[in-house]
């Protein structure tokens, strides 16, 4: 059985196009419901979090160091630090936790 890569690409393109086109075609007037507007506002953030969080936990050798980096990043972000500062602090926390865990374990 032979499969054509072009058929797969075509199906993916059609599905992607439909997902982006259907909301525009179906919602002809402005959405006035506060609940739906609020829901649609937070969907990208929820999707990003759902995709990012598992990757954070699997990015390091030890899950404990990943959790430490995540906790430091959350604390720095909560204190409204810049994106670069949050990233550097999280990396430093993971680095230090990895070094400590290497000696302990």
Protein backbone atom coordinates (compact mmCIF):
# COMPACT_ATOMS: atom_id res chain seq x y z
CA UNK A 1 0.00 0.00 0.00
CA UNK A 2 1.53 3.30 -1.04
CA UNK A 3 0.71 6.56 0.63
CA UNK A 4 1.17 9.91 -1.00
CA UNK A 5 2.72 12.63 1.10
CA UNK A 6 0.85 15.16 -1.04
CA UNK A 7 -2.50 13.68 0.05
CA UNK A 8 -1.51 14.12 3.71
CA UNK A 9 -0.41 17.71 3.10
CA UNK A 10 -3.66 18.46 1.25
CA UNK A 11 -5.81 17.03 4.06
CA UNK A 12 -3.85 19.00 6.68
CA UNK A 13 -4.21 22.19 4.63
CA UNK A 14 -7.97 21.72 4.23
CA UNK A 15 -8.49 21.00 7.93
CA UNK A 16 -6.38 24.01 8.94
CA UNK A 17 -8.23 26.24 6.49
CA UNK A 18 -11.65 25.07 7.73
CA UNK A 19 -10.72 25.66 11.36
CA UNK A 20 -9.72 29.24 10.57
CA UNK A 21 -12.45 30.00 8.03
CA UNK A 22 -15.57 28.56 9.69
CA UNK A 23 -15.71 30.97 12.65
CA UNK A 24 -15.48 33.92 10.27
CA UNK A 25 -18.17 32.50 8.02
CA UNK A 26 -20.55 31.53 10.84
CA UNK A 27 -20.22 34.63 13.03
CA UNK A 28 -21.49 37.35 10.73
CA UNK A 29 -22.36 39.86 13.45
CA UNK A 30 -20.41 41.06 16.44
CA UNK A 31 -20.40 38.79 19.50
CA UNK A 32 -22.11 40.68 22.31
CA UNK A 33 -22.33 37.98 24.98
CA UNK A 34 -19.83 38.83 27.75
CA UNK A 35 -19.43 35.14 28.59
CA UNK A 36 -18.53 34.11 25.03
CA UNK A 37 -16.25 37.12 24.56
CA UNK A 38 -14.46 36.30 27.83
CA UNK A 39 -14.22 32.62 26.85
CA UNK A 40 -12.74 33.43 23.44
CA UNK A 41 -10.31 35.91 24.99
CA UNK A 42 -8.76 33.29 27.29
CA UNK A 43 -8.70 30.31 24.87
CA UNK A 44 -5.23 31.09 23.42
CA UNK A 45 -3.71 31.40 26.90
CA UNK A 46 -5.29 28.14 28.06
CA UNK A 47 -4.10 26.29 24.93
CA UNK A 48 -0.59 27.65 25.31
CA UNK A 49 -0.47 26.62 28.96
CA UNK A 50 -1.81 23.15 28.16
CA UNK A 51 0.92 22.64 25.55
CA UNK A 52 3.76 24.22 27.51
CA UNK A 53 3.33 22.73 30.99
CA UNK A 54 4.02 19.07 30.06
CA UNK A 55 7.06 20.18 28.04
CA UNK A 56 8.39 22.05 31.07
CA UNK A 57 8.22 18.95 33.24
CA UNK A 58 10.01 16.79 30.65
CA UNK A 59 12.67 19.30 29.62
CA UNK A 60 15.23 18.46 32.31
CA UNK A 61 16.87 15.33 33.61
CA UNK A 62 15.09 15.55 36.96
CA UNK A 63 11.45 16.56 37.38
CA UNK A 64 12.34 18.29 40.64
CA UNK A 65 14.62 20.74 38.83
CA UNK A 66 11.89 21.41 36.26
CA UNK A 67 9.41 22.18 39.02
CA UNK A 68 11.96 24.47 40.69
CA UNK A 69 12.49 26.39 37.44
CA UNK A 70 8.75 26.60 36.88
CA UNK A 71 8.16 27.89 40.41
CA UNK A 72 10.86 30.55 40.04
CA UNK A 73 9.44 31.60 36.67
CA UNK A 74 5.92 31.86 38.09
CA UNK A 75 7.13 33.92 41.04
CA UNK A 76 9.13 36.27 38.81
CA UNK A 77 6.23 36.62 36.37
CA UNK A 78 3.84 37.30 39.25
CA UNK A 79 6.15 40.11 40.37
CA UNK A 80 5.87 41.50 36.80
CA UNK A 81 9.51 41.04 35.81
CA UNK A 82 10.43 41.24 32.12
CA UNK A 83 10.32 38.16 29.90
CA UNK A 84 14.12 38.03 29.67
CA UNK A 85 14.46 38.25 33.45
CA UNK A 86 11.89 35.49 33.98
CA UNK A 87 13.64 33.22 31.48
CA UNK A 88 17.10 33.84 32.94
CA UNK A 89 15.93 33.28 36.51
CA UNK A 90 14.17 30.04 35.53
CA UNK A 91 17.26 28.80 33.68
CA UNK A 92 19.46 29.66 36.66
CA UNK A 93 17.11 27.85 39.04
CA UNK A 94 17.12 24.74 36.84
CA UNK A 95 20.91 24.87 36.51
CA UNK A 96 21.43 25.15 40.26
CA UNK A 97 18.85 22.45 41.03
CA UNK A 98 20.45 20.10 38.47
CA UNK A 99 23.90 20.63 40.01
CA UNK A 100 22.57 19.95 43.51
CA UNK A 101 20.63 16.88 42.42
CA UNK A 102 23.65 15.49 40.55
CA UNK A 103 25.60 15.41 43.78
CA UNK A 104 22.74 14.20 45.96
CA UNK A 105 21.44 11.41 43.73
